[in-house]
Amino acid sequence: LGSSLLVANRGFIYFTDKDGNLLPAVLNKDYPLIYAVPKVIDDPAEAANIISPILNKPIEELKGIFSKPNDAYEVLVRRADASTAKKIDDLKIKGIYADTQSGRFYPMESLASHLLGFIGQSQDKNGESGQYGVEKIYDSKLAGVAGKISKSKITPSQAGEDLNLTIDPNIQAEAERVLNNVVKTFGA
């Protein structure tokens, strides 16, 4: 059963330009994730020696992670680069895998970042939630509803709603540029 059935996709956030066009400010994007299932790794020392130079992590650290006998899941690298994920995948080491994980993507980079905010681990440590700005204020709208499994019934997740802001990115960019120049000029 794929976790994507249970994890709700977070809604997108859009800016609106002067002509009424919606421009993506915050989207979801799949990023490579490298993880281990220590309880199925046959030889933790050998696996650590092979993986260490690829992940640039100390052998002893990896050996410690891989040696946990009842551990079913350890994240090794979030948002790994695609070539590293492919190298891990190509090795076909039992218990070490590359997959994808959805994460927030900001196509306009830092534009209005103070307004948009960010997400982080939720207080119940069961997923992510808005921690600041619009991401926090509209968290319940953007978050959606996680799926559930109870006995033999599976309730799929419901995606979060999109949010359309009346922020014109051109005006926002100019305002940020002017403010930055004033701060530099007057040492504010």
N, C-alpha and C. Protein backbone atom coordinates (compact mmCIF):
# COMPACT_ATOMS: atom_id res chain seq x y z
N LEU A 1 0.85 -1.19 0.00
CA LEU A 1 0.00 0.00 0.00
C LEU A 1 0.89 1.23 0.00
N GLY A 2 0.78 2.05 -1.02
CA GLY A 2 1.60 3.25 -1.12
C GLY A 2 1.19 4.32 -0.12
N SER A 3 2.18 5.00 0.46
CA SER A 3 1.87 6.05 1.43
C SER A 3 1.19 7.23 0.77
N SER A 4 1.32 7.36 -0.57
CA SER A 4 0.69 8.48 -1.27
C SER A 4 -0.83 8.39 -1.18
N LEU A 5 -1.36 7.21 -0.92
CA LEU A 5 -2.80 7.05 -0.75
C LEU A 5 -3.26 7.66 0.57
N LEU A 6 -2.37 7.66 1.57
CA LEU A 6 -2.72 8.14 2.90
C LEU A 6 -2.29 9.58 3.17
N VAL A 7 -1.24 10.04 2.49
CA VAL A 7 -0.73 11.39 2.69
C VAL A 7 -1.46 12.36 1.76
N ALA A 8 -2.04 13.40 2.35
CA ALA A 8 -2.77 14.39 1.54
C ALA A 8 -1.79 15.34 0.87
N ASN A 9 -2.02 15.60 -0.42
CA ASN A 9 -1.22 16.61 -1.11
C ASN A 9 -1.62 17.99 -0.62
N ARG A 10 -0.65 18.79 -0.26
CA ARG A 10 -0.91 20.13 0.22
C ARG A 10 -1.32 21.01 -0.95
N GLY A 11 -2.26 21.92 -0.71
CA GLY A 11 -2.73 22.83 -1.76
C GLY A 11 -1.65 23.79 -2.22
N PHE A 12 -1.77 24.29 -3.43
CA PHE A 12 -0.84 25.25 -4.00
C PHE A 12 -1.22 26.66 -3.55
N ILE A 13 -0.26 27.58 -3.62
CA ILE A 13 -0.51 28.99 -3.35
C ILE A 13 -0.13 29.76 -4.61
N TYR A 14 -1.04 30.63 -5.04
CA TYR A 14 -0.83 31.42 -6.25
C TYR A 14 -0.82 32.91 -5.95
N PHE A 15 -0.02 33.67 -6.72
CA PHE A 15 -0.10 35.12 -6.75
C PHE A 15 -1.02 35.47 -7.91
N THR A 16 -1.55 36.67 -7.92
CA THR A 16 -2.41 37.13 -9.02
C THR A 16 -1.80 38.41 -9.59
N ASP A 17 -1.48 38.41 -10.89
CA ASP A 17 -0.90 39.62 -11.47
C ASP A 17 -2.00 40.63 -11.83
N LYS A 18 -1.59 41.79 -12.34
CA LYS A 18 -2.55 42.88 -12.62
C LYS A 18 -3.59 42.50 -13.66
N ASP A 19 -3.32 41.49 -14.48
CA ASP A 19 -4.27 41.05 -15.50
C ASP A 19 -5.15 39.91 -15.01
N GLY A 20 -5.01 39.55 -13.74
CA GLY A 20 -5.83 38.48 -13.16
C GLY A 20 -5.28 37.08 -13.40
N ASN A 21 -4.07 36.96 -13.95
CA ASN A 21 -3.46 35.65 -14.18
C ASN A 21 -2.92 35.08 -12.87
N LEU A 22 -3.17 33.80 -12.65
CA LEU A 22 -2.63 33.12 -11.47
C LEU A 22 -1.23 32.63 -11.78
N LEU A 23 -0.30 32.99 -10.90
CA LEU A 23 1.10 32.59 -11.06
C LEU A 23 1.52 31.78 -9.83
N PRO A 24 2.08 30.59 -10.03
CA PRO A 24 2.41 29.73 -8.88
C PRO A 24 3.49 30.33 -8.00
N ALA A 25 3.20 30.43 -6.71
CA ALA A 25 4.16 30.91 -5.71
C ALA A 25 4.68 29.76 -4.87
N VAL A 26 3.81 28.76 -4.60
CA VAL A 26 4.21 27.59 -3.81
C VAL A 26 3.53 26.36 -4.42
N LEU A 27 4.33 25.39 -4.77
CA LEU A 27 3.83 24.14 -5.36
C LEU A 27 4.38 22.96 -4.57
N ASN A 28 3.99 21.77 -4.95
CA ASN A 28 4.57 20.54 -4.42
C ASN A 28 5.42 19.93 -5.52
N LYS A 29 6.54 19.37 -5.13
CA LYS A 29 7.45 18.76 -6.09
C LYS A 29 8.01 17.49 -5.46
N ASP A 30 8.19 16.47 -6.28
CA ASP A 30 8.79 15.24 -5.78
C ASP A 30 10.31 15.38 -5.77
N TYR A 31 10.90 15.08 -4.62
CA TYR A 31 12.35 15.13 -4.45
C TYR A 31 12.84 13.73 -4.12
N PRO A 32 14.06 13.39 -4.58
CA PRO A 32 14.62 12.08 -4.22
C PRO A 32 14.84 11.97 -2.71
N LEU A 33 14.53 10.80 -2.19
CA LEU A 33 14.70 10.47 -0.78
C LEU A 33 15.48 9.17 -0.71
N ILE A 34 16.52 9.15 0.11
CA ILE A 34 17.30 7.93 0.31
C ILE A 34 17.09 7.49 1.74
N TYR A 35 16.67 6.23 1.91
CA TYR A 35 16.37 5.74 3.26
C TYR A 35 16.84 4.30 3.42
N ALA A 36 16.86 3.89 4.67
CA ALA A 36 17.28 2.53 5.00
C ALA A 36 16.20 1.83 5.83
N VAL A 37 16.16 0.53 5.69
CA VAL A 37 15.34 -0.33 6.55
C VAL A 37 16.35 -1.24 7.26
N PRO A 38 16.91 -0.74 8.38
CA PRO A 38 18.00 -1.45 9.05
C PRO A 38 17.72 -2.91 9.39
N LYS A 39 16.49 -3.23 9.76
CA LYS A 39 16.21 -4.60 10.19
C LYS A 39 16.37 -5.64 9.08
N VAL A 40 16.44 -5.21 7.81
CA VAL A 40 16.62 -6.18 6.73
C VAL A 40 18.01 -6.12 6.08
N ILE A 41 18.88 -5.25 6.60
CA ILE A 41 20.23 -5.16 6.05
C ILE A 41 21.05 -6.33 6.60
N ASP A 42 21.58 -7.15 5.69
CA ASP A 42 22.31 -8.36 6.07
C ASP A 42 23.66 -8.07 6.74
N ASP A 43 24.44 -7.15 6.17
CA ASP A 43 25.77 -6.86 6.69
C ASP A 43 25.93 -5.34 6.83
N PRO A 44 25.62 -4.79 8.02
CA PRO A 44 25.68 -3.34 8.23
C PRO A 44 27.06 -2.73 7.92
N ALA A 45 28.14 -3.43 8.27
CA ALA A 45 29.49 -2.89 8.02
C ALA A 45 29.77 -2.79 6.52
N GLU A 46 29.43 -3.82 5.78
CA GLU A 46 29.66 -3.81 4.34
C GLU A 46 28.80 -2.73 3.67
N ALA A 47 27.53 -2.65 4.05
CA ALA A 47 26.64 -1.64 3.49
C ALA A 47 27.16 -0.23 3.78
N ALA A 48 27.64 -0.01 4.99
CA ALA A 48 28.19 1.31 5.37
C ALA A 48 29.42 1.65 4.54
N ASN A 49 30.29 0.67 4.32
CA ASN A 49 31.50 0.90 3.51
C ASN A 49 31.16 1.26 2.06
N ILE A 50 30.14 0.64 1.52
CA ILE A 50 29.74 0.90 0.13
C ILE A 50 29.04 2.25 0.00
N ILE A 51 28.16 2.57 0.94
CA ILE A 51 27.32 3.77 0.86
C ILE A 51 28.04 5.03 1.29
N SER A 52 28.98 4.92 2.20
CA SER A 52 29.66 6.09 2.78
C SER A 52 30.20 7.08 1.74
N PRO A 53 30.99 6.63 0.75
CA PRO A 53 31.52 7.61 -0.21
C PRO A 53 30.45 8.24 -1.11
N ILE A 54 29.36 7.53 -1.32
CA ILE A 54 28.28 8.06 -2.18
C ILE A 54 27.51 9.16 -1.46
N LEU A 55 27.24 8.93 -0.16
CA LEU A 55 26.46 9.90 0.62
C LEU A 55 27.34 10.92 1.36
N ASN A 56 28.66 10.73 1.31
CA ASN A 56 29.58 11.59 2.07
C ASN A 56 29.23 11.61 3.55
N LYS A 57 28.95 10.43 4.09
CA LYS A 57 28.67 10.28 5.52
C LYS A 57 29.70 9.32 6.10
N PRO A 58 30.09 9.55 7.35
CA PRO A 58 31.10 8.67 7.98
C PRO A 58 30.62 7.21 8.05
N ILE A 59 31.53 6.31 7.82
CA ILE A 59 31.23 4.88 7.85
C ILE A 59 30.64 4.48 9.21
N GLU A 60 31.26 4.95 10.30
CA GLU A 60 30.80 4.57 11.64
C GLU A 60 29.36 5.06 11.91
N GLU A 61 29.04 6.24 11.42
CA GLU A 61 27.67 6.76 11.59
C GLU A 61 26.67 5.87 10.86
N LEU A 62 26.98 5.53 9.62
CA LEU A 62 26.09 4.66 8.85
C LEU A 62 26.00 3.26 9.46
N LYS A 63 27.13 2.73 9.89
CA LYS A 63 27.14 1.41 10.52
C LYS A 63 26.23 1.40 11.75
N GLY A 64 26.27 2.47 12.54
CA GLY A 64 25.40 2.59 13.71
C GLY A 64 23.93 2.59 13.32
N ILE A 65 23.60 3.32 12.27
CA ILE A 65 22.21 3.38 11.79
C ILE A 65 21.77 2.01 11.27
N PHE A 66 22.63 1.38 10.47
CA PHE A 66 22.29 0.10 9.84
C PHE A 66 22.25 -1.07 10.82
N SER A 67 22.81 -0.90 12.02
CA SER A 67 22.90 -1.99 13.00
C SER A 67 21.72 -2.06 13.95
N LYS A 68 20.71 -1.21 13.78
CA LYS A 68 19.55 -1.23 14.67
C LYS A 68 18.65 -2.41 14.27
N PRO A 69 18.56 -3.43 15.13
CA PRO A 69 17.91 -4.69 14.73
C PRO A 69 16.41 -4.62 14.45
N ASN A 70 15.68 -3.76 15.13
CA ASN A 70 14.22 -3.72 14.93
C ASN A 70 13.75 -2.44 14.25
N ASP A 71 14.67 -1.69 13.68
CA ASP A 71 14.35 -0.40 13.06
C ASP A 71 13.84 -0.61 11.64
N ALA A 72 12.65 -0.11 11.35
CA ALA A 72 12.03 -0.32 10.05
C ALA A 72 12.22 0.85 9.09
N TYR A 73 12.75 2.00 9.56
CA TYR A 73 12.84 3.15 8.67
C TYR A 73 13.78 4.22 9.22
N GLU A 74 14.79 4.56 8.45
CA GLU A 74 15.72 5.64 8.80
C GLU A 74 15.99 6.46 7.54
N VAL A 75 15.68 7.75 7.58
CA VAL A 75 15.98 8.63 6.46
C VAL A 75 17.48 8.90 6.46
N LEU A 76 18.10 8.71 5.31
CA LEU A 76 19.53 8.99 5.17
C LEU A 76 19.76 10.35 4.52
N VAL A 77 19.00 10.66 3.45
CA VAL A 77 19.14 11.95 2.77
C VAL A 77 17.77 12.38 2.23
N ARG A 78 17.31 13.55 2.68
CA ARG A 78 16.11 14.17 2.10
C ARG A 78 16.57 15.10 0.97
N ARG A 79 15.77 15.21 -0.03
CA ARG A 79 16.06 16.10 -1.17
C ARG A 79 17.46 15.84 -1.73
N ALA A 80 17.74 14.57 -1.93
CA ALA A 80 19.03 14.17 -2.52
C ALA A 80 19.04 14.59 -3.99
N ASP A 81 20.22 14.68 -4.56
CA ASP A 81 20.24 14.96 -5.99
C ASP A 81 19.94 13.67 -6.75
N ALA A 82 19.43 13.83 -7.94
CA ALA A 82 18.95 12.68 -8.72
C ALA A 82 20.07 11.68 -9.02
N SER A 83 21.28 12.16 -9.28
CA SER A 83 22.37 11.23 -9.61
C SER A 83 22.75 10.37 -8.41
N THR A 84 22.72 10.94 -7.21
CA THR A 84 23.02 10.17 -6.01
C THR A 84 21.94 9.11 -5.78
N ALA A 85 20.69 9.50 -5.95
CA ALA A 85 19.58 8.55 -5.78
C ALA A 85 19.70 7.40 -6.78
N LYS A 86 20.10 7.72 -8.02
CA LYS A 86 20.25 6.68 -9.03
C LYS A 86 21.38 5.71 -8.66
N LYS A 87 22.49 6.26 -8.16
CA LYS A 87 23.61 5.39 -7.73
C LYS A 87 23.16 4.42 -6.65
N ILE A 88 22.40 4.92 -5.69
CA ILE A 88 21.91 4.07 -4.60
C ILE A 88 20.97 3.01 -5.16
N ASP A 89 20.08 3.43 -6.03
CA ASP A 89 19.11 2.51 -6.64
C ASP A 89 19.83 1.41 -7.44
N ASP A 90 20.85 1.81 -8.19
CA ASP A 90 21.58 0.86 -9.03
C ASP A 90 22.35 -0.18 -8.21
N LEU A 91 22.73 0.16 -6.98
CA LEU A 91 23.48 -0.78 -6.14
C LEU A 91 22.65 -1.99 -5.72
N LYS A 92 21.35 -1.78 -5.60
CA LYS A 92 20.43 -2.87 -5.23
C LYS A 92 20.85 -3.56 -3.92
N ILE A 93 21.21 -2.75 -2.93
CA ILE A 93 21.55 -3.29 -1.62
C ILE A 93 20.26 -3.48 -0.83
N LYS A 94 20.05 -4.69 -0.37
CA LYS A 94 18.85 -4.99 0.41
C LYS A 94 18.81 -4.11 1.66
N GLY A 95 17.74 -3.34 1.81
CA GLY A 95 17.56 -2.49 2.98
C GLY A 95 17.95 -1.04 2.78
N ILE A 96 18.50 -0.69 1.61
CA ILE A 96 18.84 0.71 1.32
C ILE A 96 18.18 1.09 0.00
N TYR A 97 17.34 2.11 0.05
CA TYR A 97 16.50 2.41 -1.09
C TYR A 97 16.47 3.90 -1.43
N ALA A 98 16.14 4.17 -2.68
CA ALA A 98 15.88 5.54 -3.14
C ALA A 98 14.43 5.59 -3.61
N ASP A 99 13.75 6.61 -3.21
CA ASP A 99 12.34 6.80 -3.58
C ASP A 99 12.14 8.29 -3.78
N THR A 100 10.91 8.73 -3.81
CA THR A 100 10.64 10.17 -3.87
C THR A 100 9.73 10.55 -2.72
N GLN A 101 9.82 11.82 -2.34
CA GLN A 101 8.98 12.37 -1.29
C GLN A 101 8.57 13.77 -1.74
N SER A 102 7.31 14.06 -1.58
CA SER A 102 6.81 15.37 -1.96
C SER A 102 7.27 16.42 -0.96
N GLY A 103 7.63 17.59 -1.48
CA GLY A 103 8.04 18.70 -0.64
C GLY A 103 7.62 20.01 -1.29
N ARG A 104 7.63 21.07 -0.51
CA ARG A 104 7.24 22.38 -1.03
C ARG A 104 8.33 22.93 -1.94
N PHE A 105 7.88 23.58 -3.02
CA PHE A 105 8.76 24.17 -4.02
C PHE A 105 8.31 25.60 -4.27
N TYR A 106 9.25 26.52 -4.25
CA TYR A 106 8.97 27.95 -4.41
C TYR A 106 9.58 28.43 -5.73
N PRO A 107 8.80 28.42 -6.82
CA PRO A 107 9.36 28.76 -8.13
C PRO A 107 9.87 30.20 -8.22
N MET A 108 9.38 31.09 -7.37
CA MET A 108 9.85 32.48 -7.38
C MET A 108 10.90 32.71 -6.29
N GLU A 109 11.46 31.61 -5.81
CA GLU A 109 12.52 31.60 -4.80
C GLU A 109 12.11 32.36 -3.55
N SER A 110 12.82 33.43 -3.18
CA SER A 110 12.56 34.09 -1.90
C SER A 110 11.52 35.22 -1.99
N LEU A 111 10.95 35.44 -3.15
CA LEU A 111 9.97 36.52 -3.30
C LEU A 111 8.81 36.31 -2.32
N ALA A 112 8.56 37.31 -1.49
CA ALA A 112 7.48 37.31 -0.50
C ALA A 112 7.59 36.16 0.50
N SER A 113 8.81 35.68 0.72
CA SER A 113 8.99 34.55 1.64
C SER A 113 8.51 34.88 3.04
N HIS A 114 8.67 36.13 3.47
CA HIS A 114 8.18 36.55 4.79
C HIS A 114 6.66 36.45 4.89
N LEU A 115 5.99 36.59 3.78
CA LEU A 115 4.54 36.51 3.73
C LEU A 115 4.07 35.05 3.58
N LEU A 116 4.72 34.32 2.69
CA LEU A 116 4.31 32.94 2.41
C LEU A 116 4.58 32.01 3.59
N GLY A 117 5.70 32.22 4.28
CA GLY A 117 6.04 31.38 5.41
C GLY A 117 6.63 30.06 4.96
N PHE A 118 6.48 29.04 5.80
CA PHE A 118 7.06 27.73 5.51
C PHE A 118 6.32 26.66 6.29
N ILE A 119 6.61 25.41 5.93
CA ILE A 119 6.03 24.28 6.67
C ILE A 119 7.15 23.54 7.38
N GLY A 120 6.79 22.80 8.39
CA GLY A 120 7.74 21.99 9.14
C GLY A 120 6.97 20.86 9.82
N GLN A 121 7.67 20.09 10.59
CA GLN A 121 7.05 18.95 11.27
C GLN A 121 5.93 19.44 12.18
N SER A 122 4.79 18.78 12.11
CA SER A 122 3.65 19.16 12.94
C SER A 122 3.93 18.83 14.40
N GLN A 123 3.16 19.45 15.30
CA GLN A 123 3.38 19.24 16.73
C GLN A 123 3.21 17.79 17.15
N ASP A 124 2.29 17.08 16.48
CA ASP A 124 2.10 15.67 16.83
C ASP A 124 3.13 14.77 16.15
N LYS A 125 4.07 15.38 15.41
CA LYS A 125 5.15 14.69 14.72
C LYS A 125 4.63 13.64 13.73
N ASN A 126 3.44 13.87 13.24
CA ASN A 126 2.83 12.96 12.28
C ASN A 126 2.53 13.73 11.00
N GLY A 127 3.57 14.13 10.30
CA GLY A 127 3.39 14.90 9.08
C GLY A 127 3.88 16.32 9.24
N GLU A 128 3.50 17.17 8.30
CA GLU A 128 3.95 18.56 8.29
C GLU A 128 2.76 19.50 8.39
N SER A 129 3.05 20.70 8.89
CA SER A 129 2.01 21.73 8.98
C SER A 129 2.66 23.09 8.82
N GLY A 130 1.83 24.10 8.54
CA GLY A 130 2.32 25.45 8.38
C GLY A 130 2.91 25.96 9.69
N GLN A 131 4.08 26.59 9.61
CA GLN A 131 4.77 27.07 10.80
C GLN A 131 4.83 28.59 10.87
N TYR A 132 4.56 29.26 9.75
CA TYR A 132 4.72 30.71 9.71
C TYR A 132 3.97 31.24 8.48
N GLY A 133 3.54 32.49 8.54
CA GLY A 133 2.95 33.17 7.39
C GLY A 133 1.67 32.52 6.89
N VAL A 134 1.42 32.66 5.60
CA VAL A 134 0.23 32.11 4.96
C VAL A 134 0.14 30.61 5.15
N GLU A 135 1.30 29.93 5.10
CA GLU A 135 1.32 28.47 5.30
C GLU A 135 0.71 28.11 6.66
N LYS A 136 0.94 28.94 7.68
CA LYS A 136 0.40 28.66 9.01
C LYS A 136 -1.05 29.14 9.13
N ILE A 137 -1.31 30.37 8.69
CA ILE A 137 -2.64 30.95 8.84
C ILE A 137 -3.71 30.11 8.13
N TYR A 138 -3.38 29.61 6.94
CA TYR A 138 -4.34 28.83 6.16
C TYR A 138 -4.01 27.34 6.16
N ASP A 139 -3.32 26.89 7.21
CA ASP A 139 -2.88 25.50 7.27
C ASP A 139 -4.02 24.50 7.08
N SER A 140 -5.14 24.72 7.76
CA SER A 140 -6.23 23.74 7.67
C SER A 140 -6.82 23.67 6.26
N LYS A 141 -6.81 24.77 5.54
CA LYS A 141 -7.31 24.78 4.16
C LYS A 141 -6.30 24.11 3.21
N LEU A 142 -5.02 24.43 3.38
CA LEU A 142 -3.98 23.91 2.50
C LEU A 142 -3.65 22.44 2.75
N ALA A 143 -3.76 22.01 4.01
CA ALA A 143 -3.27 20.68 4.41
C ALA A 143 -4.06 19.51 3.83
N GLY A 144 -5.34 19.65 3.66
CA GLY A 144 -6.14 18.51 3.23
C GLY A 144 -6.39 17.56 4.39
N VAL A 145 -6.84 16.36 4.07
CA VAL A 145 -7.16 15.37 5.10
C VAL A 145 -6.40 14.08 4.79
N ALA A 146 -5.65 13.60 5.75
CA ALA A 146 -4.90 12.36 5.58
C ALA A 146 -5.85 11.18 5.44
N GLY A 147 -5.42 10.17 4.70
CA GLY A 147 -6.19 8.95 4.57
C GLY A 147 -6.08 8.11 5.83
N LYS A 148 -6.94 7.09 5.92
CA LYS A 148 -6.95 6.23 7.10
C LYS A 148 -7.13 4.78 6.70
N ILE A 149 -6.59 3.91 7.54
CA ILE A 149 -6.82 2.48 7.38
C ILE A 149 -7.43 1.99 8.67
N SER A 150 -8.61 1.41 8.58
CA SER A 150 -9.24 0.83 9.76
C SER A 150 -9.82 -0.52 9.37
N LYS A 151 -9.29 -1.55 10.03
CA LYS A 151 -9.65 -2.95 9.72
C LYS A 151 -9.47 -3.21 8.24
N SER A 152 -10.53 -3.44 7.49
CA SER A 152 -10.39 -3.72 6.06
C SER A 152 -10.81 -2.55 5.18
N LYS A 153 -11.05 -1.40 5.79
CA LYS A 153 -11.51 -0.24 5.03
C LYS A 153 -10.38 0.80 4.88
N ILE A 154 -10.17 1.23 3.64
CA ILE A 154 -9.18 2.27 3.36
C ILE A 154 -9.92 3.53 2.92
N THR A 155 -9.66 4.61 3.64
CA THR A 155 -10.22 5.91 3.26
C THR A 155 -9.08 6.72 2.65
N PRO A 156 -9.13 6.99 1.32
CA PRO A 156 -8.03 7.74 0.70
C PRO A 156 -7.95 9.18 1.21
N SER A 157 -6.78 9.76 1.08
CA SER A 157 -6.59 11.15 1.50
C SER A 157 -7.36 12.10 0.58
N GLN A 158 -7.61 13.31 1.10
CA GLN A 158 -8.22 14.37 0.30
C GLN A 158 -7.22 15.51 0.19
N ALA A 159 -6.91 15.91 -1.01
CA ALA A 159 -5.93 16.97 -1.23
C ALA A 159 -6.39 18.28 -0.61
N GLY A 160 -5.43 19.09 -0.21
CA GLY A 160 -5.73 20.41 0.32
C GLY A 160 -6.23 21.34 -0.78
N GLU A 161 -6.86 22.42 -0.36
CA GLU A 161 -7.36 23.40 -1.31
C GLU A 161 -6.25 24.36 -1.72
N ASP A 162 -6.36 24.88 -2.94
CA ASP A 162 -5.42 25.90 -3.40
C ASP A 162 -5.83 27.24 -2.82
N LEU A 163 -4.88 28.15 -2.75
CA LEU A 163 -5.11 29.48 -2.20
C LEU A 163 -4.63 30.52 -3.21
N ASN A 164 -5.51 31.45 -3.58
CA ASN A 164 -5.17 32.50 -4.53
C ASN A 164 -5.02 33.82 -3.79
N LEU A 165 -3.79 34.36 -3.78
CA LEU A 165 -3.52 35.62 -3.11
C LEU A 165 -3.61 36.78 -4.11
N THR A 166 -3.92 37.94 -3.63
CA THR A 166 -4.02 39.12 -4.51
C THR A 166 -2.68 39.86 -4.58
N ILE A 167 -1.60 39.16 -4.33
CA ILE A 167 -0.26 39.74 -4.41
C ILE A 167 0.18 39.70 -5.87
N ASP A 168 0.52 40.87 -6.42
CA ASP A 168 1.08 40.93 -7.77
C ASP A 168 2.59 40.75 -7.63
N PRO A 169 3.17 39.69 -8.20
CA PRO A 169 4.59 39.43 -7.99
C PRO A 169 5.50 40.53 -8.54
N ASN A 170 5.08 41.23 -9.59
CA ASN A 170 5.90 42.32 -10.13
C ASN A 170 5.98 43.48 -9.14
N ILE A 171 4.86 43.85 -8.56
CA ILE A 171 4.84 44.93 -7.57
C ILE A 171 5.60 44.49 -6.32
N GLN A 172 5.41 43.25 -5.90
CA GLN A 172 6.10 42.73 -4.72
C GLN A 172 7.61 42.76 -4.92
N ALA A 173 8.06 42.32 -6.09
CA ALA A 173 9.50 42.31 -6.37
C ALA A 173 10.08 43.72 -6.35
N GLU A 174 9.36 44.67 -6.94
CA GLU A 174 9.84 46.06 -6.94
C GLU A 174 9.86 46.63 -5.52
N ALA A 175 8.83 46.35 -4.75
CA ALA A 175 8.79 46.84 -3.36
C ALA A 175 9.95 46.27 -2.55
N GLU A 176 10.25 45.00 -2.72
CA GLU A 176 11.36 44.38 -2.01
C GLU A 176 12.70 44.97 -2.46
N ARG A 177 12.84 45.26 -3.77
CA ARG A 177 14.08 45.85 -4.29
C ARG A 177 14.28 47.24 -3.70
N VAL A 178 13.22 48.08 -3.71
CA VAL A 178 13.31 49.44 -3.17
C VAL A 178 13.65 49.40 -1.68
N LEU A 179 12.96 48.56 -0.94
CA LEU A 179 13.21 48.46 0.50
C LEU A 179 14.64 48.01 0.78
N ASN A 180 15.14 47.04 0.03
CA ASN A 180 16.51 46.56 0.20
C ASN A 180 17.51 47.68 -0.06
N ASN A 181 17.28 48.49 -1.08
CA ASN A 181 18.17 49.62 -1.38
C ASN A 181 18.16 50.66 -0.27
N VAL A 182 16.99 50.93 0.29
CA VAL A 182 16.88 51.89 1.40
C VAL A 182 17.64 51.37 2.62
N VAL A 183 17.50 50.09 2.90
CA VAL A 183 18.20 49.49 4.03
C VAL A 183 19.71 49.61 3.84
N LYS A 184 20.18 49.32 2.63
CA LYS A 184 21.64 49.42 2.35
C LYS A 184 22.12 50.88 2.43
N THR A 185 21.35 51.78 1.82
CA THR A 185 21.75 53.20 1.78
C THR A 185 21.86 53.81 3.15
N PHE A 186 20.88 53.53 4.02
CA PHE A 186 20.84 54.15 5.33
C PHE A 186 21.31 53.24 6.47
N GLY A 187 21.76 52.07 6.11
CA GLY A 187 22.26 51.14 7.13
C GLY A 187 21.21 50.78 8.16
N ALA A 188 20.00 50.70 7.72
CA ALA A 188 18.87 50.41 8.66
C ALA A 188 18.90 48.97 9.09
